[in-house]
């Protein structure tokens, strides 16, 4: 199935489907990589301050219809976003890309 970025509104190819919920309503949006990154960056401060409600979403369901195996092999993207947002909220310096220090991951896990 071919995805089209819902934000662009034209024939820009989408990279993935992102599922999210707000005020009790569940949503899905097909986005290109640029908009996926923008959405995650915009939500990061809120995710970092929020409590997880309900069970953990499985990578397969979050992966979306259009993600390739190579894109999925990058690891649990949402977990990385959560850790970065939490670390920033705690005042830790953390890069926008690349590996997160194991000590920071352990502190995040201890806090959650």
PDB file of N, CA and C in Angstrom:
ATOM      1  N   UNK A   1       0.849  -1.174   0.000  1.00  0.00           N
ATOM      2  CA  UNK A   1       0.000   0.000   0.000  1.00  0.00           C
ATOM      3  C   UNK A   1       0.895   1.238   0.000  1.00  0.00           C
ATOM      4  N   UNK A   2       0.585   2.193  -0.809  1.00  0.00           N
ATOM      5  CA  UNK A   2       1.324   3.440  -0.914  1.00  0.00           C
ATOM      6  C   UNK A   2       0.711   4.464   0.026  1.00  0.00           C
ATOM      7  N   UNK A   3       1.553   5.091   0.853  1.00  0.00           N
ATOM      8  CA  UNK A   3       1.077   6.142   1.749  1.00  0.00           C
ATOM      9  C   UNK A   3       1.323   7.500   1.122  1.00  0.00           C
ATOM     10  N   UNK A   4       0.418   8.416   1.378  1.00  0.00           N
ATOM     11  CA  UNK A   4       0.559   9.799   0.942  1.00  0.00           C
ATOM     12  C   UNK A   4       0.520  10.652   2.201  1.00  0.00           C
ATOM     13  N   UNK A   5       1.449  11.604   2.318  1.00  0.00           N
ATOM     14  CA  UNK A   5       1.515  12.473   3.499  1.00  0.00           C
ATOM     15  C   UNK A   5       0.234  13.303   3.596  1.00  0.00           C
ATOM     16  N   UNK A   6      -0.515  13.109   4.684  1.00  0.00           N
ATOM     17  CA  UNK A   6      -1.768  13.829   4.880  1.00  0.00           C
ATOM     18  C   UNK A   6      -1.541  15.319   5.134  1.00  0.00           C
ATOM     19  N   UNK A   7      -0.375  15.684   5.660  1.00  0.00           N
ATOM     20  CA  UNK A   7      -0.099  17.086   5.969  1.00  0.00           C
ATOM     21  C   UNK A   7       0.158  17.887   4.697  1.00  0.00           C
ATOM     22  N   UNK A   8       0.918  17.309   3.773  1.00  0.00           N
ATOM     23  CA  UNK A   8       1.209  18.012   2.523  1.00  0.00           C
ATOM     24  C   UNK A   8      -0.055  18.232   1.693  1.00  0.00           C
ATOM     25  N   UNK A   9      -0.935  17.252   1.703  1.00  0.00           N
ATOM     26  CA  UNK A   9      -2.162  17.387   0.938  1.00  0.00           C
ATOM     27  C   UNK A   9      -1.980  17.241  -0.557  1.00  0.00           C
ATOM     28  N   UNK A  10      -0.815  16.791  -0.991  1.00  0.00           N
ATOM     29  CA  UNK A  10      -0.589  16.555  -2.419  1.00  0.00           C
ATOM     30  C   UNK A  10      -0.161  15.098  -2.586  1.00  0.00           C
ATOM     31  N   UNK A  11       0.683  14.811  -3.528  1.00  0.00           N
ATOM     32  CA  UNK A  11       1.101  13.428  -3.757  1.00  0.00           C
ATOM     33  C   UNK A  11       2.431  13.087  -3.091  1.00  0.00           C
ATOM     34  N   UNK A  12       2.833  13.844  -2.057  1.00  0.00           N
ATOM     35  CA  UNK A  12       4.081  13.558  -1.349  1.00  0.00           C
ATOM     36  C   UNK A  12       3.973  12.197  -0.674  1.00  0.00           C
ATOM     37  N   UNK A  13       4.943  11.354  -0.922  1.00  0.00           N
ATOM     38  CA  UNK A  13       4.939   9.998  -0.371  1.00  0.00           C
ATOM     39  C   UNK A  13       5.067  10.029   1.143  1.00  0.00           C
ATOM     40  N   UNK A  14       4.224   9.266   1.799  1.00  0.00           N
ATOM     41  CA  UNK A  14       4.280   9.128   3.250  1.00  0.00           C
ATOM     42  C   UNK A  14       5.255   8.035   3.634  1.00  0.00           C
ATOM     43  N   UNK A  15       5.876   8.174   4.802  1.00  0.00           N
ATOM     44  CA  UNK A  15       6.833   7.191   5.280  1.00  0.00           C
ATOM     45  C   UNK A  15       6.218   6.252   6.303  1.00  0.00           C
ATOM     46  N   UNK A  16       5.213   6.734   7.033  1.00  0.00           N
ATOM     47  CA  UNK A  16       4.631   5.914   8.087  1.00  0.00           C
ATOM     48  C   UNK A  16       3.272   6.450   8.504  1.00  0.00           C
ATOM     49  N   UNK A  17       2.562   5.631   9.247  1.00  0.00           N
ATOM     50  CA  UNK A  17       1.298   6.015   9.857  1.00  0.00           C
ATOM     51  C   UNK A  17       1.557   6.175  11.348  1.00  0.00           C
ATOM     52  N   UNK A  18       1.202   7.328  11.898  1.00  0.00           N
ATOM     53  CA  UNK A  18       1.354   7.560  13.331  1.00  0.00           C
ATOM     54  C   UNK A  18      -0.025   7.511  13.965  1.00  0.00           C
ATOM     55  N   UNK A  19      -0.152   6.719  15.012  1.00  0.00           N
ATOM     56  CA  UNK A  19      -1.387   6.635  15.786  1.00  0.00           C
ATOM     57  C   UNK A  19      -1.201   7.429  17.068  1.00  0.00           C
ATOM     58  N   UNK A  20      -2.222   8.177  17.459  1.00  0.00           N
ATOM     59  CA  UNK A  20      -2.161   8.914  18.712  1.00  0.00           C
ATOM     60  C   UNK A  20      -3.577   9.147  19.202  1.00  0.00           C
ATOM     61  N   UNK A  21      -3.688   9.565  20.454  1.00  0.00           N
ATOM     62  CA  UNK A  21      -5.013   9.883  20.971  1.00  0.00           C
ATOM     63  C   UNK A  21      -4.945  11.188  21.747  1.00  0.00           C
ATOM     64  N   UNK A  22      -6.071  11.869  21.775  1.00  0.00           N
ATOM     65  CA  UNK A  22      -6.176  13.134  22.473  1.00  0.00           C
ATOM     66  C   UNK A  22      -7.615  13.291  22.934  1.00  0.00           C
ATOM     67  N   UNK A  23      -7.783  13.634  24.189  1.00  0.00           N
ATOM     68  CA  UNK A  23      -9.115  13.835  24.764  1.00  0.00           C
ATOM     69  C   UNK A  23     -10.039  12.644  24.527  1.00  0.00           C
ATOM     70  N   UNK A  24      -9.483  11.450  24.609  1.00  0.00           N
ATOM     71  CA  UNK A  24     -10.269  10.236  24.490  1.00  0.00           C
ATOM     72  C   UNK A  24     -10.557   9.776  23.077  1.00  0.00           C
ATOM     73  N   UNK A  25     -10.116  10.530  22.079  1.00  0.00           N
ATOM     74  CA  UNK A  25     -10.340  10.139  20.687  1.00  0.00           C
ATOM     75  C   UNK A  25      -9.027   9.639  20.086  1.00  0.00           C
ATOM     76  N   UNK A  26      -9.092   8.549  19.346  1.00  0.00           N
ATOM     77  CA  UNK A  26      -7.911   7.973  18.699  1.00  0.00           C
ATOM     78  C   UNK A  26      -7.833   8.465  17.261  1.00  0.00           C
ATOM     79  N   UNK A  27      -6.608   8.757  16.824  1.00  0.00           N
ATOM     80  CA  UNK A  27      -6.375   9.278  15.485  1.00  0.00           C
ATOM     81  C   UNK A  27      -5.236   8.512  14.820  1.00  0.00           C
ATOM     82  N   UNK A  28      -5.208   8.536  13.511  1.00  0.00           N
ATOM     83  CA  UNK A  28      -4.092   8.047  12.705  1.00  0.00           C
ATOM     84  C   UNK A  28      -3.824   9.077  11.625  1.00  0.00           C
ATOM     85  N   UNK A  29      -2.540   9.280  11.327  1.00  0.00           N
ATOM     86  CA  UNK A  29      -2.170  10.203  10.266  1.00  0.00           C
ATOM     87  C   UNK A  29      -1.001   9.611   9.492  1.00  0.00           C
ATOM     88  N   UNK A  30      -1.075   9.670   8.173  1.00  0.00           N
ATOM     89  CA  UNK A  30       0.023   9.230   7.315  1.00  0.00           C
ATOM     90  C   UNK A  30       0.915  10.440   7.074  1.00  0.00           C
ATOM     91  N   UNK A  31       2.202  10.299   7.349  1.00  0.00           N
ATOM     92  CA  UNK A  31       3.127  11.422   7.231  1.00  0.00           C
ATOM     93  C   UNK A  31       4.433  11.010   6.586  1.00  0.00           C
ATOM     94  N   UNK A  32       5.101  11.996   5.983  1.00  0.00           N
ATOM     95  CA  UNK A  32       6.452  11.800   5.460  1.00  0.00           C
ATOM     96  C   UNK A  32       7.417  11.856   6.652  1.00  0.00           C
ATOM     97  N   UNK A  33       8.688  11.534   6.415  1.00  0.00           N
ATOM     98  CA  UNK A  33       9.662  11.543   7.507  1.00  0.00           C
ATOM     99  C   UNK A  33       9.767  12.910   8.169  1.00  0.00           C
ATOM    100  N   UNK A  34       9.756  13.975   7.372  1.00  0.00           N
ATOM    101  CA  UNK A  34       9.876  15.334   7.910  1.00  0.00           C
ATOM    102  C   UNK A  34       8.757  15.626   8.899  1.00  0.00           C
ATOM    103  N   UNK A  35       7.531  15.331   8.515  1.00  0.00           N
ATOM    104  CA  UNK A  35       6.410  15.627   9.395  1.00  0.00           C
ATOM    105  C   UNK A  35       6.345  14.675  10.582  1.00  0.00           C
ATOM    106  N   UNK A  36       6.803  13.450  10.413  1.00  0.00           N
ATOM    107  CA  UNK A  36       6.868  12.518  11.545  1.00  0.00           C
ATOM    108  C   UNK A  36       7.822  13.066  12.601  1.00  0.00           C
ATOM    109  N   UNK A  37       8.992  13.525  12.170  1.00  0.00           N
ATOM    110  CA  UNK A  37       9.969  14.104  13.099  1.00  0.00           C
ATOM    111  C   UNK A  37       9.414  15.360  13.759  1.00  0.00           C
ATOM    112  N   UNK A  38       8.761  16.238  12.961  1.00  0.00           N
ATOM    113  CA  UNK A  38       8.190  17.470  13.507  1.00  0.00           C
ATOM    114  C   UNK A  38       7.125  17.159  14.559  1.00  0.00           C
ATOM    115  N   UNK A  39       6.290  16.171  14.285  1.00  0.00           N
ATOM    116  CA  UNK A  39       5.225  15.819  15.221  1.00  0.00           C
ATOM    117  C   UNK A  39       5.808  15.295  16.525  1.00  0.00           C
ATOM    118  N   UNK A  40       6.783  14.398  16.410  1.00  0.00           N
ATOM    119  CA  UNK A  40       7.405  13.844  17.615  1.00  0.00           C
ATOM    120  C   UNK A  40       8.132  14.925  18.414  1.00  0.00           C
ATOM    121  N   UNK A  41       8.822  15.814  17.725  1.00  0.00           N
ATOM    122  CA  UNK A  41       9.522  16.911  18.408  1.00  0.00           C
ATOM    123  C   UNK A  41       8.526  17.835  19.117  1.00  0.00           C
ATOM    124  N   UNK A  42       7.415  18.135  18.459  1.00  0.00           N
ATOM    125  CA  UNK A  42       6.415  19.025  19.044  1.00  0.00           C
ATOM    126  C   UNK A  42       5.767  18.406  20.283  1.00  0.00           C
ATOM    127  N   UNK A  43       5.571  17.099  20.261  1.00  0.00           N
ATOM    128  CA  UNK A  43       4.920  16.422  21.386  1.00  0.00           C
ATOM    129  C   UNK A  43       5.884  16.033  22.498  1.00  0.00           C
ATOM    130  N   UNK A  44       7.180  16.041  22.223  1.00  0.00           N
ATOM    131  CA  UNK A  44       8.178  15.554  23.184  1.00  0.00           C
ATOM    132  C   UNK A  44       8.057  16.193  24.568  1.00  0.00           C
ATOM    133  N   UNK A  45       7.886  17.514  24.699  1.00  0.00           N
ATOM    134  CA  UNK A  45       7.776  18.087  26.045  1.00  0.00           C
ATOM    135  C   UNK A  45       6.557  17.572  26.809  1.00  0.00           C
ATOM    136  N   UNK A  46       5.461  17.332  26.097  1.00  0.00           N
ATOM    137  CA  UNK A  46       4.244  16.853  26.735  1.00  0.00           C
ATOM    138  C   UNK A  46       4.371  15.376  27.106  1.00  0.00           C
ATOM    139  N   UNK A  47       4.964  14.602  26.209  1.00  0.00           N
ATOM    140  CA  UNK A  47       5.186  13.180  26.480  1.00  0.00           C
ATOM    141  C   UNK A  47       6.111  13.028  27.683  1.00  0.00           C
ATOM    142  N   UNK A  48       7.130  13.880  27.756  1.00  0.00           N
ATOM    143  CA  UNK A  48       8.080  13.814  28.856  1.00  0.00           C
ATOM    144  C   UNK A  48       7.455  14.117  30.201  1.00  0.00           C
ATOM    145  N   UNK A  49       6.435  14.946  30.229  1.00  0.00           N
ATOM    146  CA  UNK A  49       5.785  15.315  31.475  1.00  0.00           C
ATOM    147  C   UNK A  49       4.567  14.449  31.793  1.00  0.00           C
ATOM    148  N   UNK A  50       4.146  13.640  30.838  1.00  0.00           N
ATOM    149  CA  UNK A  50       2.913  12.863  30.984  1.00  0.00           C
ATOM    150  C   UNK A  50       3.148  11.522  31.685  1.00  0.00           C
ATOM    151  N   UNK A  51       2.058  10.927  32.106  1.00  0.00           N
ATOM    152  CA  UNK A  51       2.064   9.556  32.623  1.00  0.00           C
ATOM    153  C   UNK A  51       1.553   8.661  31.511  1.00  0.00           C
ATOM    154  N   UNK A  52       2.128   7.475  31.413  1.00  0.00           N
ATOM    155  CA  UNK A  52       1.636   6.507  30.433  1.00  0.00           C
ATOM    156  C   UNK A  52       0.308   5.955  30.944  1.00  0.00           C
ATOM    157  N   UNK A  53      -0.680   5.916  30.078  1.00  0.00           N
ATOM    158  CA  UNK A  53      -1.996   5.392  30.434  1.00  0.00           C
ATOM    159  C   UNK A  53      -2.250   4.136  29.621  1.00  0.00           C
ATOM    160  N   UNK A  54      -2.526   3.056  30.285  1.00  0.00           N
ATOM    161  CA  UNK A  54      -2.785   1.811  29.575  1.00  0.00           C
ATOM    162  C   UNK A  54      -1.511   1.077  29.239  1.00  0.00           C
ATOM    163  N   UNK A  55      -1.649   0.042  28.451  1.00  0.00           N
ATOM    164  CA  UNK A  55      -0.517  -0.808  28.102  1.00  0.00           C
ATOM    165  C   UNK A  55       0.393  -0.191  27.069  1.00  0.00           C
ATOM    166  N   UNK A  56       1.495  -0.843  26.894  1.00  0.00           N
ATOM    167  CA  UNK A  56       2.489  -0.401  25.925  1.00  0.00           C
ATOM    168  C   UNK A  56       2.011  -0.783  24.528  1.00  0.00           C
ATOM    169  N   UNK A  57       2.148   0.133  23.583  1.00  0.00           N
ATOM    170  CA  UNK A  57       1.777  -0.131  22.198  1.00  0.00           C
ATOM    171  C   UNK A  57       2.870  -0.973  21.576  1.00  0.00           C
ATOM    172  N   UNK A  58       2.496  -2.038  20.907  1.00  0.00           N
ATOM    173  CA  UNK A  58       3.480  -2.903  20.265  1.00  0.00           C
ATOM    174  C   UNK A  58       4.039  -2.234  19.020  1.00  0.00           C
ATOM    175  N   UNK A  59       5.323  -2.429  18.789  1.00  0.00           N
ATOM    176  CA  UNK A  59       6.002  -1.819  17.647  1.00  0.00           C
ATOM    177  C   UNK A  59       5.291  -2.159  16.346  1.00  0.00           C
ATOM    178  N   UNK A  60       4.801  -3.379  16.206  1.00  0.00           N
ATOM    179  CA  UNK A  60       4.168  -3.787  14.952  1.00  0.00           C
ATOM    180  C   UNK A  60       2.936  -2.947  14.648  1.00  0.00           C
ATOM    181  N   UNK A  61       2.134  -2.621  15.673  1.00  0.00           N
ATOM    182  CA  UNK A  61       0.937  -1.831  15.411  1.00  0.00           C
ATOM    183  C   UNK A  61       1.285  -0.364  15.189  1.00  0.00           C
ATOM    184  N   UNK A  62       2.361   0.122  15.801  1.00  0.00           N
ATOM    185  CA  UNK A  62       2.773   1.503  15.640  1.00  0.00           C
ATOM    186  C   UNK A  62       3.563   1.690  14.357  1.00  0.00           C
ATOM    187  N   UNK A  63       4.100   0.627  13.833  1.00  0.00           N
ATOM    188  CA  UNK A  63       4.980   0.691  12.663  1.00  0.00           C
ATOM    189  C   UNK A  63       4.264   1.291  11.464  1.00  0.00           C
ATOM    190  N   UNK A  64       2.979   1.082  11.383  1.00  0.00           N
ATOM    191  CA  UNK A  64       2.242   1.660  10.254  1.00  0.00           C
ATOM    192  C   UNK A  64       2.269   0.740   9.058  1.00  0.00           C
ATOM    193  N   UNK A  65       1.461   1.091   8.105  1.00  0.00           N
ATOM    194  CA  UNK A  65       1.327   0.228   6.937  1.00  0.00           C
ATOM    195  C   UNK A  65       2.479   0.396   5.969  1.00  0.00           C
ATOM    196  N   UNK A  66       3.149   1.545   5.989  1.00  0.00           N
ATOM    197  CA  UNK A  66       4.134   1.822   4.960  1.00  0.00           C
ATOM    198  C   UNK A  66       5.582   1.737   5.399  1.00  0.00           C
ATOM    199  N   UNK A  67       5.842   1.445   6.657  1.00  0.00           N
ATOM    200  CA  UNK A  67       7.228   1.411   7.120  1.00  0.00           C
ATOM    201  C   UNK A  67       7.907   0.164   6.605  1.00  0.00           C
ATOM    202  N   UNK A  68       9.118   0.325   6.189  1.00  0.00           N
ATOM    203  CA  UNK A  68       9.880  -0.823   5.710  1.00  0.00           C
ATOM    204  C   UNK A  68      10.531  -1.527   6.876  1.00  0.00           C
ATOM    205  N   UNK A  69      11.011  -2.737   6.666  1.00  0.00           N
ATOM    206  CA  UNK A  69      11.731  -3.461   7.698  1.00  0.00           C
ATOM    207  C   UNK A  69      12.949  -2.697   8.155  1.00  0.00           C
ATOM    208  N   UNK A  70      13.626  -2.009   7.253  1.00  0.00           N
ATOM    209  CA  UNK A  70      14.814  -1.239   7.613  1.00  0.00           C
ATOM    210  C   UNK A  70      14.448  -0.103   8.549  1.00  0.00           C
ATOM    211  N   UNK A  71      13.335   0.570   8.292  1.00  0.00           N
ATOM    212  CA  UNK A  71      12.919   1.658   9.161  1.00  0.00           C
ATOM    213  C   UNK A  71      12.536   1.127  10.535  1.00  0.00           C
ATOM    214  N   UNK A  72      11.864  -0.009  10.573  1.00  0.00           N
ATOM    215  CA  UNK A  72      11.447  -0.597  11.839  1.00  0.00           C
ATOM    216  C   UNK A  72      12.640  -1.124  12.621  1.00  0.00           C
ATOM    217  N   UNK A  73      13.686  -1.519  11.929  1.00  0.00           N
ATOM    218  CA  UNK A  73      14.855  -2.083  12.599  1.00  0.00           C
ATOM    219  C   UNK A  73      15.606  -1.041  13.404  1.00  0.00           C
ATOM    220  N   UNK A  74      15.283   0.228  13.250  1.00  0.00           N
ATOM    221  CA  UNK A  74      15.937   1.287  13.994  1.00  0.00           C
ATOM    222  C   UNK A  74      15.647   1.248  15.480  1.00  0.00           C
ATOM    223  N   UNK A  75      14.818   0.348  15.937  1.00  0.00           N
ATOM    224  CA  UNK A  75      14.521   0.234  17.361  1.00  0.00           C
ATOM    225  C   UNK A  75      13.166   0.811  17.685  1.00  0.00           C
ATOM    226  N   UNK A  76      12.897   0.924  18.950  1.00  0.00           N
ATOM    227  CA  UNK A  76      11.619   1.423  19.419  1.00  0.00           C
ATOM    228  C   UNK A  76      11.655   2.945  19.435  1.00  0.00           C
ATOM    229  N   UNK A  77      11.243   3.544  18.368  1.00  0.00           N
ATOM    230  CA  UNK A  77      11.344   4.998  18.177  1.00  0.00           C
ATOM    231  C   UNK A  77      10.607   5.785  19.258  1.00  0.00           C
ATOM    232  N   UNK A  78       9.404   5.347  19.600  1.00  0.00           N
ATOM    233  CA  UNK A  78       8.632   6.083  20.607  1.00  0.00           C
ATOM    234  C   UNK A  78       9.328   6.049  21.960  1.00  0.00           C
ATOM    235  N   UNK A  79       9.939   4.936  22.296  1.00  0.00           N
ATOM    236  CA  UNK A  79      10.670   4.837  23.560  1.00  0.00           C
ATOM    237  C   UNK A  79      11.829   5.830  23.578  1.00  0.00           C
ATOM    238  N   UNK A  80      12.528   5.945  22.465  1.00  0.00           N
ATOM    239  CA  UNK A  80      13.629   6.895  22.364  1.00  0.00           C
ATOM    240  C   UNK A  80      13.107   8.323  22.515  1.00  0.00           C
ATOM    241  N   UNK A  81      11.991   8.629  21.873  1.00  0.00           N
ATOM    242  CA  UNK A  81      11.379   9.959  22.001  1.00  0.00           C
ATOM    243  C   UNK A  81      11.012  10.221  23.458  1.00  0.00           C
ATOM    244  N   UNK A  82      10.420   9.212  24.115  1.00  0.00           N
ATOM    245  CA  UNK A  82      10.028   9.359  25.518  1.00  0.00           C
ATOM    246  C   UNK A  82      11.240   9.621  26.406  1.00  0.00           C
ATOM    247  N   UNK A  83      12.320   8.861  26.186  1.00  0.00           N
ATOM    248  CA  UNK A  83      13.519   9.020  27.011  1.00  0.00           C
ATOM    249  C   UNK A  83      14.128  10.400  26.799  1.00  0.00           C
ATOM    250  N   UNK A  84      14.237  10.833  25.550  1.00  0.00           N
ATOM    251  CA  UNK A  84      14.798  12.160  25.278  1.00  0.00           C
ATOM    252  C   UNK A  84      13.958  13.264  25.927  1.00  0.00           C
ATOM    253  N   UNK A  85      12.640  13.174  25.807  1.00  0.00           N
ATOM    254  CA  UNK A  85      11.764  14.186  26.394  1.00  0.00           C
ATOM    255  C   UNK A  85      11.894  14.197  27.915  1.00  0.00           C
ATOM    256  N   UNK A  86      11.921  13.029  28.528  1.00  0.00           N
ATOM    257  CA  UNK A  86      12.072  12.942  29.977  1.00  0.00           C
ATOM    258  C   UNK A  86      13.405  13.535  30.406  1.00  0.00           C
ATOM    259  N   UNK A  87      14.471  13.169  29.692  1.00  0.00           N
ATOM    260  CA  UNK A  87      15.803  13.655  30.050  1.00  0.00           C
ATOM    261  C   UNK A  87      15.868  15.180  29.973  1.00  0.00           C
ATOM    262  N   UNK A  88      15.299  15.755  28.923  1.00  0.00           N
ATOM    263  CA  UNK A  88      15.291  17.212  28.776  1.00  0.00           C
ATOM    264  C   UNK A  88      14.502  17.863  29.913  1.00  0.00           C
ATOM    265  N   UNK A  89      13.350  17.263  30.259  1.00  0.00           N
ATOM    266  CA  UNK A  89      12.525  17.797  31.336  1.00  0.00           C
ATOM    267  C   UNK A  89      13.252  17.736  32.680  1.00  0.00           C
ATOM    268  N   UNK A  90      14.165  16.772  32.824  1.00  0.00           N
ATOM    269  CA  UNK A  90      14.939  16.629  34.056  1.00  0.00           C
ATOM    270  C   UNK A  90      16.191  17.497  34.052  1.00  0.00           C
ATOM    271  N   UNK A  91      16.451  18.188  32.950  1.00  0.00           N
ATOM    272  CA  UNK A  91      17.607  19.066  32.856  1.00  0.00           C
ATOM    273  C   UNK A  91      18.869  18.414  32.329  1.00  0.00           C
ATOM    274  N   UNK A  92      18.773  17.177  31.847  1.00  0.00           N
ATOM    275  CA  UNK A  92      19.929  16.498  31.264  1.00  0.00           C
ATOM    276  C   UNK A  92      20.156  17.001  29.844  1.00  0.00           C
ATOM    277  N   UNK A  93      21.408  17.052  29.433  1.00  0.00           N
ATOM    278  CA  UNK A  93      21.719  17.358  28.038  1.00  0.00           C
ATOM    279  C   UNK A  93      21.643  16.049  27.269  1.00  0.00           C
ATOM    280  N   UNK A  94      20.883  16.077  26.199  1.00  0.00           N
ATOM    281  CA  UNK A  94      20.741  14.887  25.369  1.00  0.00           C
ATOM    282  C   UNK A  94      20.640  15.349  23.917  1.00  0.00           C
ATOM    283  N   UNK A  95      21.375  14.674  23.046  1.00  0.00           N
ATOM    284  CA  UNK A  95      21.376  15.058  21.638  1.00  0.00           C
ATOM    285  C   UNK A  95      20.046  14.719  20.987  1.00  0.00           C
ATOM    286  N   UNK A  96      19.744  15.395  19.890  1.00  0.00           N
ATOM    287  CA  UNK A  96      18.504  15.154  19.160  1.00  0.00           C
ATOM    288  C   UNK A  96      18.545  13.836  18.388  1.00  0.00           C
ATOM    289  N   UNK A  97      19.739  13.382  18.061  1.00  0.00           N
ATOM    290  CA  UNK A  97      19.899  12.149  17.282  1.00  0.00           C
ATOM    291  C   UNK A  97      21.034  11.323  17.870  1.00  0.00           C
ATOM    292  N   UNK A  98      21.087  10.086  17.463  1.00  0.00           N
ATOM    293  CA  UNK A  98      22.167   9.206  17.909  1.00  0.00           C
ATOM    294  C   UNK A  98      21.813   8.440  19.174  1.00  0.00           C
ATOM    295  N   UNK A  99      22.799   7.751  19.676  1.00  0.00           N
ATOM    296  CA  UNK A  99      22.596   6.910  20.853  1.00  0.00           C
ATOM    297  C   UNK A  99      22.377   7.737  22.113  1.00  0.00           C
ATOM    298  N   UNK A 100      21.605   7.161  23.000  1.00  0.00           N
ATOM    299  CA  UNK A 100      21.386   7.754  24.315  1.00  0.00           C
ATOM    300  C   UNK A 100      22.254   6.973  25.294  1.00  0.00           C
ATOM    301  N   UNK A 101      22.935   7.689  26.175  1.00  0.00           N
ATOM    302  CA  UNK A 101      23.824   7.045  27.146  1.00  0.00           C
ATOM    303  C   UNK A 101      23.056   6.015  27.975  1.00  0.00           C
ATOM    304  N   UNK A 102      23.660   4.866  28.189  1.00  0.00           N
ATOM    305  CA  UNK A 102      23.021   3.793  28.956  1.00  0.00           C
ATOM    306  C   UNK A 102      22.645   4.266  30.359  1.00  0.00           C
ATOM    307  N   UNK A 103      23.487   5.093  30.967  1.00  0.00           N
ATOM    308  CA  UNK A 103      23.184   5.583  32.316  1.00  0.00           C
ATOM    309  C   UNK A 103      21.896   6.405  32.319  1.00  0.00           C
ATOM    310  N   UNK A 104      21.649   7.159  31.254  1.00  0.00           N
ATOM    311  CA  UNK A 104      20.431   7.945  31.136  1.00  0.00           C
ATOM    312  C   UNK A 104      19.221   7.032  30.943  1.00  0.00           C
ATOM    313  N   UNK A 105      19.388   5.996  30.151  1.00  0.00           N
ATOM    314  CA  UNK A 105      18.307   5.015  29.949  1.00  0.00           C
ATOM    315  C   UNK A 105      17.956   4.361  31.269  1.00  0.00           C
ATOM    316  N   UNK A 106      18.969   4.001  32.050  1.00  0.00           N
ATOM    317  CA  UNK A 106      18.720   3.359  33.360  1.00  0.00           C
ATOM    318  C   UNK A 106      17.996   4.289  34.321  1.00  0.00           C
ATOM    319  N   UNK A 107      18.361   5.583  34.303  1.00  0.00           N
ATOM    320  CA  UNK A 107      17.675   6.547  35.157  1.00  0.00           C
ATOM    321  C   UNK A 107      16.214   6.710  34.735  1.00  0.00           C
ATOM    322  N   UNK A 108      15.995   6.736  33.426  1.00  0.00           N
ATOM    323  CA  UNK A 108      14.624   6.830  32.909  1.00  0.00           C
ATOM    324  C   UNK A 108      13.807   5.616  33.370  1.00  0.00           C
ATOM    325  N   UNK A 109      14.363   4.440  33.204  1.00  0.00           N
ATOM    326  CA  UNK A 109      13.651   3.216  33.575  1.00  0.00           C
ATOM    327  C   UNK A 109      13.372   3.175  35.078  1.00  0.00           C
ATOM    328  N   UNK A 110      14.307   3.657  35.879  1.00  0.00           N
ATOM    329  CA  UNK A 110      14.094   3.694  37.330  1.00  0.00           C
ATOM    330  C   UNK A 110      12.953   4.651  37.704  1.00  0.00           C
ATOM    331  N   UNK A 111      12.829   5.740  36.940  1.00  0.00           N
ATOM    332  CA  UNK A 111      11.794   6.722  37.205  1.00  0.00           C
ATOM    333  C   UNK A 111      10.410   6.269  36.723  1.00  0.00           C
ATOM    334  N   UNK A 112      10.393   5.299  35.822  1.00  0.00           N
ATOM    335  CA  UNK A 112       9.113   4.847  35.260  1.00  0.00           C
ATOM    336  C   UNK A 112       8.858   3.435  35.666  1.00  0.00           C
TER     337      UNK A 112
END
